Amino acid sequence: MDLASVDLLNDRDTGLIVMLAKGYTTARIAREMNLSRYTVAERIGKLLDRFACSNRSQLVAYSYAHRLLDVGIWPPGTA
């Protein structure tokens, strides 16, 4: 996990992680972002690979640990 790559997250990826942290399903994220669920699933897979996470929960935990999401704020938002 390269911290330099964390700085390269675009707003769309950050928004996707926020929705994952809120517990949104792939279908709901797709509706919110006006994308197909297949595109959302592919984007999630790329983020999992990028940060060497094995599942969505680990990606959300990683995002909090590296301050991609504001700690102590609910609902989650960006840092």
PDB file of N, CA and C in Angstrom:
ATOM      1  N   MET A   1       0.832  -1.176   0.000  1.00  0.00           N
ATOM      2  CA  MET A   1       0.000   0.000   0.000  1.00  0.00           C
ATOM      3  C   MET A   1       0.878   1.241   0.000  1.00  0.00           C
ATOM      4  N   ASP A   2       0.890   1.906  -1.091  1.00  0.00           N
ATOM      5  CA  ASP A   2       1.710   3.091  -1.247  1.00  0.00           C
ATOM      6  C   ASP A   2       0.893   4.329  -0.895  1.00  0.00           C
ATOM      7  N   LEU A   3       1.325   5.053   0.136  1.00  0.00           N
ATOM      8  CA  LEU A   3       0.574   6.234   0.559  1.00  0.00           C
ATOM      9  C   LEU A   3       0.553   7.316  -0.504  1.00  0.00           C
ATOM     10  N   ALA A   4       1.544   7.347  -1.370  1.00  0.00           N
ATOM     11  CA  ALA A   4       1.552   8.340  -2.439  1.00  0.00           C
ATOM     12  C   ALA A   4       0.357   8.126  -3.365  1.00  0.00           C
ATOM     13  N   SER A   5      -0.052   6.881  -3.551  1.00  0.00           N
ATOM     14  CA  SER A   5      -1.178   6.618  -4.429  1.00  0.00           C
ATOM     15  C   SER A   5      -2.494   7.054  -3.806  1.00  0.00           C
ATOM     16  N   VAL A   6      -2.533   7.197  -2.477  1.00  0.00           N
ATOM     17  CA  VAL A   6      -3.735   7.688  -1.806  1.00  0.00           C
ATOM     18  C   VAL A   6      -4.050   9.101  -2.270  1.00  0.00           C
ATOM     19  N   ASP A   7      -3.028   9.914  -2.467  1.00  0.00           N
ATOM     20  CA  ASP A   7      -3.217  11.288  -2.910  1.00  0.00           C
ATOM     21  C   ASP A   7      -3.791  11.372  -4.320  1.00  0.00           C
ATOM     22  N   LEU A   8      -3.735  10.288  -5.049  1.00  0.00           N
ATOM     23  CA  LEU A   8      -4.188  10.288  -6.424  1.00  0.00           C
ATOM     24  C   LEU A   8      -5.652   9.886  -6.580  1.00  0.00           C
ATOM     25  N   LEU A   9      -6.385   9.722  -5.481  1.00  0.00           N
ATOM     26  CA  LEU A   9      -7.798   9.394  -5.573  1.00  0.00           C
ATOM     27  C   LEU A   9      -8.569  10.576  -6.133  1.00  0.00           C
ATOM     28  N   ASN A  10      -9.417  10.316  -7.104  1.00  0.00           N
ATOM     29  CA  ASN A  10     -10.250  11.392  -7.618  1.00  0.00           C
ATOM     30  C   ASN A  10     -11.538  11.477  -6.799  1.00  0.00           C
ATOM     31  N   ASP A  11     -12.312  12.506  -7.044  1.00  0.00           N
ATOM     32  CA  ASP A  11     -13.541  12.733  -6.275  1.00  0.00           C
ATOM     33  C   ASP A  11     -14.539  11.586  -6.435  1.00  0.00           C
ATOM     34  N   ARG A  12     -14.576  11.017  -7.602  1.00  0.00           N
ATOM     35  CA  ARG A  12     -15.520   9.918  -7.851  1.00  0.00           C
ATOM     36  C   ARG A  12     -15.148   8.691  -7.022  1.00  0.00           C
ATOM     37  N   ASP A  13     -13.863   8.362  -6.960  1.00  0.00           N
ATOM     38  CA  ASP A  13     -13.418   7.221  -6.150  1.00  0.00           C
ATOM     39  C   ASP A  13     -13.653   7.486  -4.665  1.00  0.00           C
ATOM     40  N   THR A  14     -13.383   8.703  -4.236  1.00  0.00           N
ATOM     41  CA  THR A  14     -13.614   9.049  -2.838  1.00  0.00           C
ATOM     42  C   THR A  14     -15.099   8.939  -2.507  1.00  0.00           C
ATOM     43  N   GLY A  15     -15.942   9.429  -3.400  1.00  0.00           N
ATOM     44  CA  GLY A  15     -17.379   9.311  -3.201  1.00  0.00           C
ATOM     45  C   GLY A  15     -17.837   7.869  -3.141  1.00  0.00           C
ATOM     46  N   LEU A  16     -17.241   7.040  -3.953  1.00  0.00           N
ATOM     47  CA  LEU A  16     -17.568   5.615  -3.941  1.00  0.00           C
ATOM     48  C   LEU A  16     -17.205   5.002  -2.585  1.00  0.00           C
ATOM     49  N   ILE A  17     -16.055   5.345  -2.055  1.00  0.00           N
ATOM     50  CA  ILE A  17     -15.635   4.822  -0.748  1.00  0.00           C
ATOM     51  C   ILE A  17     -16.568   5.319   0.356  1.00  0.00           C
ATOM     52  N   VAL A  18     -16.999   6.567   0.267  1.00  0.00           N
ATOM     53  CA  VAL A  18     -17.948   7.104   1.247  1.00  0.00           C
ATOM     54  C   VAL A  18     -19.239   6.283   1.216  1.00  0.00           C
ATOM     55  N   MET A  19     -19.724   5.971   0.028  1.00  0.00           N
ATOM     56  CA  MET A  19     -20.949   5.180  -0.085  1.00  0.00           C
ATOM     57  C   MET A  19     -20.760   3.768   0.461  1.00  0.00           C
ATOM     58  N   LEU A  20     -19.576   3.192   0.239  1.00  0.00           N
ATOM     59  CA  LEU A  20     -19.290   1.876   0.822  1.00  0.00           C
ATOM     60  C   LEU A  20     -19.316   1.963   2.350  1.00  0.00           C
ATOM     61  N   ALA A  21     -18.745   3.025   2.887  1.00  0.00           N
ATOM     62  CA  ALA A  21     -18.724   3.201   4.336  1.00  0.00           C
ATOM     63  C   ALA A  21     -20.138   3.353   4.896  1.00  0.00           C
ATOM     64  N   LYS A  22     -21.041   3.914   4.111  1.00  0.00           N
ATOM     65  CA  LYS A  22     -22.431   4.052   4.524  1.00  0.00           C
ATOM     66  C   LYS A  22     -23.214   2.754   4.377  1.00  0.00           C
ATOM     67  N   GLY A  23     -22.585   1.741   3.789  1.00  0.00           N
ATOM     68  CA  GLY A  23     -23.229   0.440   3.640  1.00  0.00           C
ATOM     69  C   GLY A  23     -24.041   0.279   2.373  1.00  0.00           C
ATOM     70  N   TYR A  24     -23.840   1.143   1.399  1.00  0.00           N
ATOM     71  CA  TYR A  24     -24.588   1.056   0.149  1.00  0.00           C
ATOM     72  C   TYR A  24     -24.206  -0.200  -0.621  1.00  0.00           C
ATOM     73  N   THR A  25     -25.173  -0.778  -1.289  1.00  0.00           N
ATOM     74  CA  THR A  25     -24.922  -1.926  -2.157  1.00  0.00           C
ATOM     75  C   THR A  25     -24.364  -1.427  -3.488  1.00  0.00           C
ATOM     76  N   THR A  26     -23.854  -2.352  -4.275  1.00  0.00           N
ATOM     77  CA  THR A  26     -23.359  -2.003  -5.603  1.00  0.00           C
ATOM     78  C   THR A  26     -24.473  -1.379  -6.434  1.00  0.00           C
ATOM     79  N   ALA A  27     -25.669  -1.951  -6.360  1.00  0.00           N
ATOM     80  CA  ALA A  27     -26.796  -1.424  -7.142  1.00  0.00           C
ATOM     81  C   ALA A  27     -27.139   0.004  -6.717  1.00  0.00           C
ATOM     82  N   ARG A  28     -27.142   0.272  -5.429  1.00  0.00           N
ATOM     83  CA  ARG A  28     -27.472   1.623  -4.965  1.00  0.00           C
ATOM     84  C   ARG A  28     -26.394   2.625  -5.363  1.00  0.00           C
ATOM     85  N   ILE A  29     -25.129   2.220  -5.246  1.00  0.00           N
ATOM     86  CA  ILE A  29     -24.030   3.103  -5.673  1.00  0.00           C
ATOM     87  C   ILE A  29     -24.184   3.411  -7.156  1.00  0.00           C
ATOM     88  N   ALA A  30     -24.505   2.400  -7.939  1.00  0.00           N
ATOM     89  CA  ALA A  30     -24.681   2.590  -9.382  1.00  0.00           C
ATOM     90  C   ALA A  30     -25.786   3.610  -9.657  1.00  0.00           C
ATOM     91  N   ARG A  31     -26.899   3.506  -8.943  1.00  0.00           N
ATOM     92  CA  ARG A  31     -27.989   4.478  -9.127  1.00  0.00           C
ATOM     93  C   ARG A  31     -27.547   5.884  -8.737  1.00  0.00           C
ATOM     94  N   GLU A  32     -26.865   5.998  -7.601  1.00  0.00           N
ATOM     95  CA  GLU A  32     -26.427   7.315  -7.114  1.00  0.00           C
ATOM     96  C   GLU A  32     -25.414   7.966  -8.056  1.00  0.00           C
ATOM     97  N   MET A  33     -24.554   7.143  -8.655  1.00  0.00           N
ATOM     98  CA  MET A  33     -23.484   7.674  -9.505  1.00  0.00           C
ATOM     99  C   MET A  33     -23.840   7.658 -10.985  1.00  0.00           C
ATOM    100  N   ASN A  34     -25.050   7.178 -11.305  1.00  0.00           N
ATOM    101  CA  ASN A  34     -25.493   7.065 -12.703  1.00  0.00           C
ATOM    102  C   ASN A  34     -24.534   6.221 -13.542  1.00  0.00           C
ATOM    103  N   LEU A  35     -24.160   5.077 -12.989  1.00  0.00           N
ATOM    104  CA  LEU A  35     -23.284   4.123 -13.669  1.00  0.00           C
ATOM    105  C   LEU A  35     -23.957   2.761 -13.666  1.00  0.00           C
ATOM    106  N   SER A  36     -23.452   1.856 -14.470  1.00  0.00           N
ATOM    107  CA  SER A  36     -23.964   0.485 -14.397  1.00  0.00           C
ATOM    108  C   SER A  36     -23.363  -0.191 -13.169  1.00  0.00           C
ATOM    109  N   ARG A  37     -24.058  -1.201 -12.663  1.00  0.00           N
ATOM    110  CA  ARG A  37     -23.523  -1.894 -11.492  1.00  0.00           C
ATOM    111  C   ARG A  37     -22.245  -2.643 -11.836  1.00  0.00           C
ATOM    112  N   TYR A  38     -22.089  -2.996 -13.101  1.00  0.00           N
ATOM    113  CA  TYR A  38     -20.857  -3.673 -13.523  1.00  0.00           C
ATOM    114  C   TYR A  38     -19.670  -2.713 -13.482  1.00  0.00           C
ATOM    115  N   THR A  39     -19.897  -1.467 -13.864  1.00  0.00           N
ATOM    116  CA  THR A  39     -18.847  -0.449 -13.793  1.00  0.00           C
ATOM    117  C   THR A  39     -18.468  -0.188 -12.343  1.00  0.00           C
ATOM    118  N   VAL A  40     -19.464  -0.111 -11.474  1.00  0.00           N
ATOM    119  CA  VAL A  40     -19.200   0.112 -10.053  1.00  0.00           C
ATOM    120  C   VAL A  40     -18.407  -1.066  -9.476  1.00  0.00           C
ATOM    121  N   ALA A  41     -18.817  -2.274  -9.795  1.00  0.00           N
ATOM    122  CA  ALA A  41     -18.110  -3.459  -9.293  1.00  0.00           C
ATOM    123  C   ALA A  41     -16.665  -3.476  -9.782  1.00  0.00           C
ATOM    124  N   GLU A  42     -16.450  -3.095 -11.022  1.00  0.00           N
ATOM    125  CA  GLU A  42     -15.088  -3.027 -11.568  1.00  0.00           C
ATOM    126  C   GLU A  42     -14.267  -1.965 -10.845  1.00  0.00           C
ATOM    127  N   ARG A  43     -14.872  -0.808 -10.595  1.00  0.00           N
ATOM    128  CA  ARG A  43     -14.168   0.290  -9.898  1.00  0.00           C
ATOM    129  C   ARG A  43     -13.806  -0.121  -8.476  1.00  0.00           C
ATOM    130  N   ILE A  44     -14.733  -0.800  -7.797  1.00  0.00           N
ATOM    131  CA  ILE A  44     -14.448  -1.286  -6.449  1.00  0.00           C
ATOM    132  C   ILE A  44     -13.297  -2.285  -6.492  1.00  0.00           C
ATOM    133  N   GLY A  45     -13.322  -3.184  -7.453  1.00  0.00           N
ATOM    134  CA  GLY A  45     -12.239  -4.158  -7.603  1.00  0.00           C
ATOM    135  C   GLY A  45     -10.890  -3.499  -7.814  1.00  0.00           C
ATOM    136  N   LYS A  46     -10.869  -2.440  -8.610  1.00  0.00           N
ATOM    137  CA  LYS A  46      -9.611  -1.719  -8.850  1.00  0.00           C
ATOM    138  C   LYS A  46      -9.113  -1.045  -7.578  1.00  0.00           C
ATOM    139  N   LEU A  47     -10.036  -0.477  -6.789  1.00  0.00           N
ATOM    140  CA  LEU A  47      -9.641   0.142  -5.526  1.00  0.00           C
ATOM    141  C   LEU A  47      -9.127  -0.908  -4.540  1.00  0.00           C
ATOM    142  N   LEU A  48      -9.772  -2.065  -4.504  1.00  0.00           N
ATOM    143  CA  LEU A  48      -9.304  -3.145  -3.633  1.00  0.00           C
ATOM    144  C   LEU A  48      -7.886  -3.560  -4.013  1.00  0.00           C
ATOM    145  N   ASP A  49      -7.648  -3.714  -5.294  1.00  0.00           N
ATOM    146  CA  ASP A  49      -6.308  -4.082  -5.767  1.00  0.00           C
ATOM    147  C   ASP A  49      -5.295  -2.983  -5.463  1.00  0.00           C
ATOM    148  N   ARG A  50      -5.688  -1.759  -5.727  1.00  0.00           N
ATOM    149  CA  ARG A  50      -4.779  -0.623  -5.558  1.00  0.00           C
ATOM    150  C   ARG A  50      -4.261  -0.493  -4.134  1.00  0.00           C
ATOM    151  N   PHE A  51      -5.149  -0.741  -3.162  1.00  0.00           N
ATOM    152  CA  PHE A  51      -4.760  -0.590  -1.767  1.00  0.00           C
ATOM    153  C   PHE A  51      -4.555  -1.932  -1.065  1.00  0.00           C
ATOM    154  N   ALA A  52      -4.454  -3.001  -1.847  1.00  0.00           N
ATOM    155  CA  ALA A  52      -4.179  -4.354  -1.351  1.00  0.00           C
ATOM    156  C   ALA A  52      -5.162  -4.763  -0.256  1.00  0.00           C
ATOM    157  N   CYS A  53      -6.433  -4.482  -0.492  1.00  0.00           N
ATOM    158  CA  CYS A  53      -7.488  -4.859   0.446  1.00  0.00           C
ATOM    159  C   CYS A  53      -8.218  -6.083  -0.119  1.00  0.00           C
ATOM    160  N   SER A  54      -8.673  -6.950   0.765  1.00  0.00           N
ATOM    161  CA  SER A  54      -9.319  -8.176   0.303  1.00  0.00           C
ATOM    162  C   SER A  54     -10.838  -8.072   0.227  1.00  0.00           C
ATOM    163  N   ASN A  55     -11.423  -7.039   0.834  1.00  0.00           N
ATOM    164  CA  ASN A  55     -12.873  -6.866   0.758  1.00  0.00           C
ATOM    165  C   ASN A  55     -13.241  -5.408   1.026  1.00  0.00           C
ATOM    166  N   ARG A  56     -14.524  -5.112   0.881  1.00  0.00           N
ATOM    167  CA  ARG A  56     -15.006  -3.735   1.031  1.00  0.00           C
ATOM    168  C   ARG A  56     -14.768  -3.195   2.437  1.00  0.00           C
ATOM    169  N   SER A  57     -14.990  -4.036   3.433  1.00  0.00           N
ATOM    170  CA  SER A  57     -14.794  -3.596   4.822  1.00  0.00           C
ATOM    171  C   SER A  57     -13.357  -3.185   5.070  1.00  0.00           C
ATOM    172  N   GLN A  58     -12.439  -3.956   4.539  1.00  0.00           N
ATOM    173  CA  GLN A  58     -11.027  -3.625   4.710  1.00  0.00           C
ATOM    174  C   GLN A  58     -10.693  -2.325   3.975  1.00  0.00           C
ATOM    175  N   LEU A  59     -11.293  -2.106   2.828  1.00  0.00           N
ATOM    176  CA  LEU A  59     -11.079  -0.855   2.086  1.00  0.00           C
ATOM    177  C   LEU A  59     -11.581   0.346   2.895  1.00  0.00           C
ATOM    178  N   VAL A  60     -12.749   0.213   3.509  1.00  0.00           N
ATOM    179  CA  VAL A  60     -13.284   1.292   4.336  1.00  0.00           C
ATOM    180  C   VAL A  60     -12.375   1.532   5.540  1.00  0.00           C
ATOM    181  N   ALA A  61     -11.931   0.453   6.202  1.00  0.00           N
ATOM    182  CA  ALA A  61     -11.027   0.592   7.356  1.00  0.00           C
ATOM    183  C   ALA A  61      -9.731   1.272   6.927  1.00  0.00           C
ATOM    184  N   TYR A  62      -9.185   0.871   5.790  1.00  0.00           N
ATOM    185  CA  TYR A  62      -7.971   1.485   5.256  1.00  0.00           C
ATOM    186  C   TYR A  62      -8.201   2.980   5.025  1.00  0.00           C
ATOM    187  N   SER A  63      -9.362   3.309   4.491  1.00  0.00           N
ATOM    188  CA  SER A  63      -9.677   4.711   4.190  1.00  0.00           C
ATOM    189  C   SER A  63      -9.742   5.554   5.457  1.00  0.00           C
ATOM    190  N   TYR A  64     -10.297   4.989   6.523  1.00  0.00           N
ATOM    191  CA  TYR A  64     -10.299   5.710   7.796  1.00  0.00           C
ATOM    192  C   TYR A  64      -8.887   5.807   8.366  1.00  0.00           C
ATOM    193  N   ALA A  65      -8.150   4.724   8.316  1.00  0.00           N
ATOM    194  CA  ALA A  65      -6.799   4.704   8.889  1.00  0.00           C
ATOM    195  C   ALA A  65      -5.870   5.696   8.197  1.00  0.00           C
ATOM    196  N   HIS A  66      -6.081   5.915   6.907  1.00  0.00           N
ATOM    197  CA  HIS A  66      -5.221   6.825   6.145  1.00  0.00           C
ATOM    198  C   HIS A  66      -5.885   8.168   5.882  1.00  0.00           C
ATOM    199  N   ARG A  67      -6.922   8.437   6.660  1.00  0.00           N
ATOM    200  CA  ARG A  67      -7.605   9.735   6.666  1.00  0.00           C
ATOM    201  C   ARG A  67      -8.198  10.135   5.316  1.00  0.00           C
ATOM    202  N   LEU A  68      -8.629   9.137   4.538  1.00  0.00           N
ATOM    203  CA  LEU A  68      -9.396   9.441   3.334  1.00  0.00           C
ATOM    204  C   LEU A  68     -10.830   9.794   3.715  1.00  0.00           C
ATOM    205  N   LEU A  69     -11.269   9.276   4.857  1.00  0.00           N
ATOM    206  CA  LEU A  69     -12.580   9.592   5.424  1.00  0.00           C
ATOM    207  C   LEU A  69     -12.360  10.255   6.773  1.00  0.00           C
ATOM    208  N   ASP A  70     -13.214  11.222   7.099  1.00  0.00           N
ATOM    209  CA  ASP A  70     -13.116  11.911   8.376  1.00  0.00           C
ATOM    210  C   ASP A  70     -13.435  10.946   9.507  1.00  0.00           C
ATOM    211  N   VAL A  71     -12.568  10.854  10.482  1.00  0.00           N
ATOM    212  CA  VAL A  71     -12.762   9.998  11.631  1.00  0.00           C
ATOM    213  C   VAL A  71     -13.698  10.703  12.611  1.00  0.00           C
ATOM    214  N   GLY A  72     -14.642   9.975  13.160  1.00  0.00           N
ATOM    215  CA  GLY A  72     -15.528  10.529  14.166  1.00  0.00           C
ATOM    216  C   GLY A  72     -16.718  11.309  13.637  1.00  0.00           C
ATOM    217  N   ILE A  73     -16.963  11.252  12.347  1.00  0.00           N
ATOM    218  CA  ILE A  73     -18.088  11.958  11.756  1.00  0.00           C
ATOM    219  C   ILE A  73     -19.019  10.947  11.097  1.00  0.00           C
ATOM    220  N   TRP A  74     -20.311  11.032  11.453  1.00  0.00           N
ATOM    221  CA  TRP A  74     -21.283  10.172  10.809  1.00  0.00           C
ATOM    222  C   TRP A  74     -22.413  11.027  10.297  1.00  0.00           C
ATOM    223  N   PRO A  75     -22.872  10.854   9.115  1.00  0.00           N
ATOM    224  CA  PRO A  75     -22.400   9.880   8.133  1.00  0.00           C
ATOM    225  C   PRO A  75     -21.037  10.274   7.605  1.00  0.00           C
ATOM    226  N   PRO A  76     -20.329   9.304   7.054  1.00  0.00           N
ATOM    227  CA  PRO A  76     -18.965   9.574   6.582  1.00  0.00           C
ATOM    228  C   PRO A  76     -18.934  10.652   5.519  1.00  0.00           C
ATOM    229  N   GLY A  77     -17.842  11.372   5.529  1.00  0.00           N
ATOM    230  CA  GLY A  77     -17.577  12.374   4.504  1.00  0.00           C
ATOM    231  C   GLY A  77     -16.111  12.299   4.138  1.00  0.00           C
ATOM    232  N   THR A  78     -15.677  13.135   3.262  1.00  0.00           N
ATOM    233  CA  THR A  78     -14.281  13.125   2.856  1.00  0.00           C
ATOM    234  C   THR A  78     -13.445  13.981   3.785  1.00  0.00           C
ATOM    235  N   ALA A  79     -12.177  13.657   3.870  1.00  0.00           N
ATOM    236  CA  ALA A  79     -11.249  14.401   4.733  1.00  0.00           C
ATOM    237  C   ALA A  79     -10.837  15.700   4.100  1.00  0.00           C
TER     238      ALA A  79
END
